N, C-alpha and C. Protein backbone atom coordinates (compact mmCIF):
# COMPACT_ATOMS: atom_id res chain seq x y z
N MET A 1 -53.13 10.49 62.76
CA MET A 1 -52.16 9.78 61.92
C MET A 1 -53.31 9.46 61.01
N LEU A 2 -53.14 10.30 59.84
CA LEU A 2 -53.83 10.14 58.63
C LEU A 2 -53.11 9.15 57.72
N ASN A 3 -51.95 8.94 57.46
CA ASN A 3 -51.72 7.78 56.74
C ASN A 3 -50.83 6.68 57.39
N LEU A 4 -51.31 5.25 57.14
CA LEU A 4 -50.58 4.62 58.09
C LEU A 4 -49.27 3.95 57.64
N THR A 5 -47.67 4.51 58.17
CA THR A 5 -46.82 4.35 57.59
C THR A 5 -45.86 3.72 58.71
N ARG A 6 -44.95 3.15 58.58
CA ARG A 6 -43.77 2.59 59.44
C ARG A 6 -43.78 3.89 60.19
N ILE A 7 -43.48 4.72 59.72
CA ILE A 7 -43.14 6.27 60.68
C ILE A 7 -44.44 6.59 61.35
N SER A 8 -45.33 6.44 60.81
CA SER A 8 -46.64 6.85 61.65
C SER A 8 -46.52 6.06 63.04
N LEU A 9 -46.58 4.53 62.59
CA LEU A 9 -46.37 3.63 63.60
C LEU A 9 -45.43 4.01 64.72
N LEU A 10 -44.53 4.15 64.28
CA LEU A 10 -43.00 4.61 65.18
C LEU A 10 -43.55 5.67 66.17
N THR A 11 -44.08 6.53 65.28
CA THR A 11 -44.37 7.61 65.93
C THR A 11 -45.63 7.45 67.30
N LEU A 12 -46.42 6.96 66.60
CA LEU A 12 -47.41 6.47 67.86
C LEU A 12 -47.08 5.52 68.92
N GLY A 13 -46.16 4.75 68.77
CA GLY A 13 -45.65 4.06 69.57
C GLY A 13 -44.73 4.76 70.67
N ARG A 14 -44.08 5.69 70.27
CA ARG A 14 -43.59 6.61 70.96
C ARG A 14 -44.66 7.40 72.03
N ARG A 15 -45.48 7.82 71.22
CA ARG A 15 -46.27 8.48 72.20
C ARG A 15 -47.35 7.69 73.28
N VAL A 16 -47.68 6.57 72.60
CA VAL A 16 -48.22 5.40 73.63
C VAL A 16 -47.34 5.11 74.71
N ALA A 17 -45.82 5.04 74.41
CA ALA A 17 -44.93 4.34 75.70
C ALA A 17 -44.97 5.67 76.53
N GLU A 18 -44.90 7.05 75.98
CA GLU A 18 -44.75 8.20 76.99
C GLU A 18 -45.95 8.61 77.51
N THR A 19 -47.50 8.14 77.16
CA THR A 19 -48.38 9.35 77.58
C THR A 19 -49.59 8.07 77.84
N GLY A 20 -49.51 6.51 77.18
CA GLY A 20 -50.57 5.76 77.41
C GLY A 20 -51.58 5.65 76.13
N ILE A 21 -52.38 4.70 76.23
CA ILE A 21 -53.48 4.61 75.32
C ILE A 21 -54.37 5.75 75.33
N LYS A 22 -54.93 6.14 76.28
CA LYS A 22 -56.04 6.67 76.30
C LYS A 22 -55.60 8.25 75.70
N PRO A 23 -54.74 9.12 76.02
CA PRO A 23 -54.59 10.36 75.81
C PRO A 23 -54.72 10.32 73.73
N ASN A 24 -54.05 9.20 73.35
CA ASN A 24 -54.18 8.99 71.95
C ASN A 24 -55.12 7.95 71.18
N SER A 25 -56.23 8.13 72.06
CA SER A 25 -57.41 7.33 71.42
C SER A 25 -58.05 7.55 70.04
N ALA A 26 -57.61 8.92 69.61
CA ALA A 26 -58.38 8.83 68.08
C ALA A 26 -57.35 8.26 67.30
N ASP A 27 -56.15 8.18 67.55
CA ASP A 27 -55.18 7.64 66.71
C ASP A 27 -55.02 6.26 66.86
N ILE A 28 -55.32 5.58 67.79
CA ILE A 28 -55.58 4.15 68.06
C ILE A 28 -56.81 3.82 67.50
N ALA A 29 -57.88 4.56 67.24
CA ALA A 29 -58.96 4.29 66.42
C ALA A 29 -58.73 4.05 65.32
N THR A 30 -58.12 4.75 64.71
CA THR A 30 -57.69 4.66 62.92
C THR A 30 -56.71 3.54 62.95
N LEU A 31 -55.77 3.08 63.70
CA LEU A 31 -55.05 2.07 64.01
C LEU A 31 -55.95 0.90 63.98
N ALA A 32 -56.90 1.06 64.65
CA ALA A 32 -57.62 -0.27 65.03
C ALA A 32 -58.51 -0.63 63.46
N MET A 33 -58.94 0.54 62.90
CA MET A 33 -59.99 0.57 61.96
C MET A 33 -58.88 0.04 60.53
N ALA A 34 -57.82 0.27 60.58
CA ALA A 34 -56.79 -0.30 59.56
C ALA A 34 -56.52 -1.45 59.87
N ALA A 35 -56.13 -1.84 61.22
CA ALA A 35 -55.97 -3.33 61.36
C ALA A 35 -56.97 -4.31 61.29
N GLY A 36 -58.14 -3.76 61.61
CA GLY A 36 -59.45 -4.56 61.36
C GLY A 36 -59.79 -4.87 59.58
N ASN A 37 -59.49 -3.92 58.68
CA ASN A 37 -59.42 -3.93 57.32
C ASN A 37 -58.38 -4.97 56.68
N ALA A 38 -56.93 -5.07 57.82
CA ALA A 38 -56.07 -5.65 57.07
C ALA A 38 -55.98 -7.19 57.43
N GLY A 39 -57.11 -7.33 58.43
CA GLY A 39 -57.30 -8.90 58.71
C GLY A 39 -56.46 -9.05 60.00
N VAL A 40 -56.22 -8.39 60.81
CA VAL A 40 -55.47 -8.53 62.31
C VAL A 40 -56.52 -9.03 63.28
N SER A 41 -56.28 -9.67 63.86
CA SER A 41 -57.24 -10.71 65.14
C SER A 41 -58.46 -9.74 65.46
N PRO A 42 -59.62 -10.13 65.14
CA PRO A 42 -60.58 -9.22 65.67
C PRO A 42 -60.81 -8.90 67.36
N VAL A 43 -60.05 -9.97 67.94
CA VAL A 43 -60.21 -10.11 69.48
C VAL A 43 -59.28 -8.79 69.72
N LEU A 44 -57.82 -8.74 69.13
CA LEU A 44 -56.88 -7.82 69.39
C LEU A 44 -57.29 -6.71 69.10
N VAL A 45 -58.17 -6.09 68.39
CA VAL A 45 -58.78 -4.98 67.73
C VAL A 45 -59.77 -4.68 68.74
N SER A 46 -60.54 -5.42 69.21
CA SER A 46 -61.60 -4.89 70.12
C SER A 46 -61.01 -4.76 71.56
N ILE A 47 -60.26 -5.41 71.98
CA ILE A 47 -59.53 -5.14 73.11
C ILE A 47 -58.38 -3.73 73.36
N LEU A 48 -57.82 -3.33 72.07
CA LEU A 48 -57.33 -2.18 71.97
C LEU A 48 -58.39 -1.08 71.84
N THR A 49 -59.59 -1.36 71.61
CA THR A 49 -60.28 -0.32 71.40
C THR A 49 -61.50 -0.22 72.68
N ASP A 50 -61.37 -0.94 73.71
CA ASP A 50 -61.99 -1.39 74.94
C ASP A 50 -61.81 -0.27 75.98
N ASP A 51 -62.58 0.81 76.09
CA ASP A 51 -62.04 1.70 77.07
C ASP A 51 -62.40 0.93 78.65
N THR A 52 -63.30 0.11 78.48
CA THR A 52 -63.17 -0.71 79.79
C THR A 52 -62.29 -1.45 80.18
N ALA A 53 -61.01 -2.02 79.42
CA ALA A 53 -60.07 -2.60 79.57
C ALA A 53 -59.22 -2.26 80.28
N PRO A 54 -58.18 -2.89 81.32
CA PRO A 54 -57.25 -2.24 82.18
C PRO A 54 -56.09 -1.65 80.98
N GLU A 55 -55.34 -0.72 81.33
CA GLU A 55 -54.30 -0.07 80.37
C GLU A 55 -53.33 -1.23 80.20
N VAL A 56 -52.82 -1.93 81.08
CA VAL A 56 -51.89 -3.23 80.81
C VAL A 56 -52.44 -3.97 79.66
N VAL A 57 -53.41 -4.04 79.66
CA VAL A 57 -54.23 -4.89 78.70
C VAL A 57 -54.05 -4.55 77.27
N ARG A 58 -54.64 -3.39 77.37
CA ARG A 58 -54.84 -2.55 75.79
C ARG A 58 -53.36 -2.34 75.46
N LEU A 59 -52.62 -1.95 76.24
CA LEU A 59 -50.98 -2.06 75.80
C LEU A 59 -50.61 -3.14 75.34
N ARG A 60 -50.60 -4.32 75.65
CA ARG A 60 -50.35 -5.57 75.10
C ARG A 60 -51.09 -5.98 73.92
N ALA A 61 -52.33 -5.67 73.69
CA ALA A 61 -53.11 -5.48 72.34
C ALA A 61 -52.35 -4.59 71.40
N TYR A 62 -52.01 -3.24 71.93
CA TYR A 62 -51.45 -2.34 70.92
C TYR A 62 -50.11 -2.80 70.41
N GLU A 63 -49.66 -3.76 71.46
CA GLU A 63 -48.06 -4.12 71.07
C GLU A 63 -47.94 -5.13 69.66
N ARG A 64 -49.26 -5.87 70.09
CA ARG A 64 -49.42 -6.99 69.29
C ARG A 64 -50.12 -6.47 67.46
N VAL A 65 -50.96 -5.63 67.87
CA VAL A 65 -51.52 -4.70 66.71
C VAL A 65 -50.77 -3.88 65.80
N SER A 66 -49.75 -3.30 66.25
CA SER A 66 -48.89 -2.61 65.95
C SER A 66 -47.78 -3.17 65.37
N CYS A 67 -47.41 -4.50 65.75
CA CYS A 67 -46.16 -5.35 65.15
C CYS A 67 -47.01 -5.86 64.05
N ALA A 68 -48.32 -6.35 64.09
CA ALA A 68 -49.17 -7.03 62.77
C ALA A 68 -48.85 -5.97 61.64
N MET A 69 -49.35 -4.60 62.12
CA MET A 69 -49.53 -3.32 61.07
C MET A 69 -47.93 -3.00 60.51
N SER A 70 -47.25 -3.49 61.11
CA SER A 70 -45.61 -2.96 60.55
C SER A 70 -45.21 -3.83 59.53
N ARG A 71 -45.83 -5.40 59.70
CA ARG A 71 -45.65 -6.39 58.81
C ARG A 71 -46.46 -5.61 57.43
N VAL A 72 -47.61 -5.26 57.72
CA VAL A 72 -48.61 -4.93 56.49
C VAL A 72 -47.98 -3.53 55.58
N THR A 73 -47.35 -2.76 56.43
CA THR A 73 -46.73 -1.19 55.96
C THR A 73 -45.38 -1.41 55.43
N TYR A 74 -44.95 -2.51 55.78
CA TYR A 74 -43.75 -2.67 55.28
C TYR A 74 -43.31 -2.96 53.68
N ARG A 75 -42.45 -2.07 52.94
CA ARG A 75 -42.41 -2.07 51.45
C ARG A 75 -41.38 -2.80 51.07
N THR A 76 -41.07 -4.02 50.71
CA THR A 76 -39.61 -4.54 49.84
C THR A 76 -39.30 -3.86 49.18
N ASP A 77 -39.70 -3.17 48.59
CA ASP A 77 -38.85 -2.53 47.21
C ASP A 77 -38.45 -1.12 47.87
N VAL A 78 -39.06 -0.53 48.61
CA VAL A 78 -38.00 0.40 49.76
C VAL A 78 -37.08 -0.19 50.56
N ALA A 79 -37.04 -1.05 51.12
CA ALA A 79 -36.38 -1.88 52.42
C ALA A 79 -35.07 -2.03 51.03
N ALA A 80 -35.27 -2.44 49.99
CA ALA A 80 -34.38 -3.20 48.99
C ALA A 80 -33.27 -1.92 48.40
N ALA A 81 -34.00 -0.71 48.47
CA ALA A 81 -32.93 0.30 48.20
C ALA A 81 -32.32 1.02 49.18
N ALA A 82 -32.80 0.54 50.32
CA ALA A 82 -32.16 1.39 51.36
C ALA A 82 -30.37 1.04 51.72
């Protein structure tokens, strides 16, 4: 995930749903860095990147982080044109 867009978030979400967090750790790290820079809860970001946390806990953190980031990546000028 080189560029954080709504499409890349949807694509990552699909992959996480199919294979889980661990196989997508590089993209999860990118998402976590962007989320931290965007002001998303540091607790959620740290849980998302914690390899020792149970998968279900990381999945819940992923849901909250990706939801917050979808609001950050949403562009009203594009939505208005659609």
